[in-house]
Amino acid sequence: MEKAILESVVQTLIYIEEASEEVLASECNYKAETCVIEIKAMSTTLRTVLEHFNSVRCGE
């Protein structure tokens, strides 16, 4: 169950990153670029935390 939740969160992060790229490509302005960079940084941090949590929970 927990692994499925973590995988779902990671998939959501990937979707957000891809959607952010589309916004950047269509809007192409400074605010959009800054937003995309911040979203990617947050998602990378969250993904790292989730992967660490998952490895600790799974005993890896």
N, C-alpha and C. Protein backbone atom coordinates (compact mmCIF):
# COMPACT_ATOMS: atom_id res chain seq x y z
N MET A 1 0.83 -1.20 0.00
CA MET A 1 0.00 0.00 0.00
C MET A 1 0.87 1.26 0.00
N GLU A 2 1.83 1.31 0.94
CA GLU A 2 2.69 2.49 1.03
C GLU A 2 3.52 2.68 -0.23
N LYS A 3 4.01 1.56 -0.78
CA LYS A 3 4.80 1.65 -2.00
C LYS A 3 3.95 2.20 -3.14
N ALA A 4 2.71 1.78 -3.22
CA ALA A 4 1.80 2.29 -4.26
C ALA A 4 1.57 3.78 -4.10
N ILE A 5 1.45 4.23 -2.86
CA ILE A 5 1.26 5.66 -2.60
C ILE A 5 2.50 6.43 -3.03
N LEU A 6 3.67 5.94 -2.66
CA LEU A 6 4.92 6.61 -3.04
C LEU A 6 5.07 6.66 -4.55
N GLU A 7 4.76 5.55 -5.22
CA GLU A 7 4.85 5.54 -6.68
C GLU A 7 3.88 6.53 -7.30
N SER A 8 2.70 6.65 -6.71
CA SER A 8 1.71 7.60 -7.19
C SER A 8 2.22 9.03 -7.04
N VAL A 9 2.85 9.31 -5.92
CA VAL A 9 3.39 10.66 -5.68
C VAL A 9 4.49 10.96 -6.69
N VAL A 10 5.37 10.00 -6.94
CA VAL A 10 6.44 10.21 -7.91
C VAL A 10 5.86 10.44 -9.30
N GLN A 11 4.85 9.67 -9.68
CA GLN A 11 4.21 9.85 -10.99
C GLN A 11 3.59 11.25 -11.09
N THR A 12 3.00 11.71 -9.99
CA THR A 12 2.42 13.06 -9.97
C THR A 12 3.50 14.11 -10.15
N LEU A 13 4.65 13.91 -9.51
CA LEU A 13 5.76 14.84 -9.66
C LEU A 13 6.24 14.88 -11.11
N ILE A 14 6.33 13.72 -11.74
CA ILE A 14 6.76 13.67 -13.14
C ILE A 14 5.75 14.42 -14.01
N TYR A 15 4.47 14.22 -13.74
CA TYR A 15 3.43 14.93 -14.50
C TYR A 15 3.57 16.44 -14.32
N ILE A 16 3.80 16.88 -13.08
CA ILE A 16 3.95 18.31 -12.80
C ILE A 16 5.16 18.88 -13.55
N GLU A 17 6.26 18.15 -13.54
CA GLU A 17 7.46 18.61 -14.25
C GLU A 17 7.20 18.73 -15.75
N GLU A 18 6.52 17.74 -16.32
CA GLU A 18 6.22 17.78 -17.76
C GLU A 18 5.27 18.93 -18.08
N ALA A 19 4.27 19.12 -17.24
CA ALA A 19 3.33 20.22 -17.45
C ALA A 19 4.04 21.56 -17.33
N SER A 20 4.98 21.66 -16.42
CA SER A 20 5.75 22.89 -16.24
C SER A 20 6.56 23.20 -17.49
N GLU A 21 7.13 22.17 -18.09
CA GLU A 21 7.89 22.36 -19.32
C GLU A 21 6.99 22.91 -20.43
N GLU A 22 5.76 22.40 -20.49
CA GLU A 22 4.81 22.88 -21.50
C GLU A 22 4.48 24.35 -21.27
N VAL A 23 4.29 24.71 -20.00
CA VAL A 23 4.01 26.12 -19.68
C VAL A 23 5.18 26.99 -20.11
N LEU A 24 6.38 26.53 -19.80
CA LEU A 24 7.57 27.30 -20.17
C LEU A 24 7.66 27.48 -21.68
N ALA A 25 7.37 26.42 -22.41
CA ALA A 25 7.45 26.48 -23.87
C ALA A 25 6.40 27.41 -24.45
N SER A 26 5.21 27.44 -23.84
CA SER A 26 4.13 28.26 -24.39
C SER A 26 4.18 29.70 -23.91
N GLU A 27 4.49 29.91 -22.66
CA GLU A 27 4.49 31.27 -22.09
C GLU A 27 5.81 31.98 -22.38
N CYS A 28 6.89 31.25 -22.20
CA CYS A 28 8.23 31.74 -22.50
C CYS A 28 8.49 33.15 -21.95
N ASN A 29 8.33 33.30 -20.66
CA ASN A 29 8.67 34.56 -20.02
C ASN A 29 9.41 34.29 -18.71
N TYR A 30 9.93 35.34 -18.13
CA TYR A 30 10.77 35.19 -16.95
C TYR A 30 10.02 34.55 -15.79
N LYS A 31 8.77 34.97 -15.55
CA LYS A 31 8.02 34.41 -14.43
C LYS A 31 7.79 32.91 -14.62
N ALA A 32 7.44 32.50 -15.81
CA ALA A 32 7.21 31.08 -16.07
C ALA A 32 8.50 30.30 -15.87
N GLU A 33 9.61 30.82 -16.35
CA GLU A 33 10.89 30.13 -16.21
C GLU A 33 11.26 29.98 -14.74
N THR A 34 11.08 31.04 -13.96
CA THR A 34 11.39 31.00 -12.53
C THR A 34 10.51 29.97 -11.84
N CYS A 35 9.24 29.94 -12.18
CA CYS A 35 8.29 29.00 -11.60
C CYS A 35 8.69 27.57 -11.91
N VAL A 36 9.05 27.30 -13.14
CA VAL A 36 9.46 25.95 -13.54
C VAL A 36 10.70 25.51 -12.77
N ILE A 37 11.66 26.39 -12.63
CA ILE A 37 12.89 26.07 -11.89
C ILE A 37 12.56 25.74 -10.44
N GLU A 38 11.67 26.53 -9.83
CA GLU A 38 11.28 26.29 -8.44
C GLU A 38 10.52 24.97 -8.30
N ILE A 39 9.61 24.69 -9.23
CA ILE A 39 8.85 23.44 -9.19
C ILE A 39 9.78 22.25 -9.32
N LYS A 40 10.73 22.32 -10.25
CA LYS A 40 11.66 21.21 -10.44
C LYS A 40 12.51 21.00 -9.19
N ALA A 41 12.95 22.08 -8.57
CA ALA A 41 13.76 21.96 -7.36
C ALA A 41 12.95 21.32 -6.24
N MET A 42 11.71 21.75 -6.08
CA MET A 42 10.85 21.17 -5.05
C MET A 42 10.57 19.70 -5.32
N SER A 43 10.28 19.37 -6.57
CA SER A 43 9.95 17.98 -6.88
C SER A 43 11.17 17.08 -6.73
N THR A 44 12.35 17.59 -7.07
CA THR A 44 13.57 16.81 -6.90
C THR A 44 13.82 16.55 -5.43
N THR A 45 13.65 17.58 -4.60
CA THR A 45 13.83 17.42 -3.15
C THR A 45 12.83 16.43 -2.60
N LEU A 46 11.57 16.57 -2.99
CA LEU A 46 10.54 15.67 -2.50
C LEU A 46 10.79 14.24 -2.97
N ARG A 47 11.21 14.08 -4.20
CA ARG A 47 11.50 12.74 -4.72
C ARG A 47 12.64 12.10 -3.93
N THR A 48 13.68 12.88 -3.61
CA THR A 48 14.80 12.37 -2.82
C THR A 48 14.33 11.92 -1.44
N VAL A 49 13.49 12.73 -0.82
CA VAL A 49 12.96 12.38 0.51
C VAL A 49 12.12 11.11 0.42
N LEU A 50 11.27 11.02 -0.60
CA LEU A 50 10.42 9.84 -0.75
C LEU A 50 11.25 8.59 -1.01
N GLU A 51 12.27 8.70 -1.84
CA GLU A 51 13.13 7.54 -2.12
C GLU A 51 13.87 7.10 -0.86
N HIS A 52 14.33 8.06 -0.07
CA HIS A 52 15.00 7.73 1.18
C HIS A 52 14.02 7.06 2.14
N PHE A 53 12.83 7.63 2.26
CA PHE A 53 11.79 7.07 3.12
C PHE A 53 11.46 5.65 2.68
N ASN A 54 11.32 5.45 1.39
CA ASN A 54 10.98 4.14 0.86
C ASN A 54 12.09 3.12 1.15
N SER A 55 13.35 3.54 0.99
CA SER A 55 14.45 2.60 1.24
C SER A 55 14.55 2.27 2.73
N VAL A 56 14.27 3.22 3.59
CA VAL A 56 14.31 2.97 5.03
C VAL A 56 13.17 2.03 5.42
N ARG A 57 11.98 2.30 4.88
CA ARG A 57 10.80 1.49 5.19
C ARG A 57 10.95 0.07 4.65
N CYS A 58 11.63 -0.08 3.53
CA CYS A 58 11.77 -1.40 2.90
C CYS A 58 13.03 -2.11 3.38
N GLY A 59 13.81 -1.46 4.23
CA GLY A 59 14.99 -2.07 4.79
C GLY A 59 16.16 -2.21 3.83
N GLU A 60 16.21 -1.35 2.82
CA GLU A 60 17.31 -1.42 1.85
C GLU A 60 18.54 -0.73 2.38
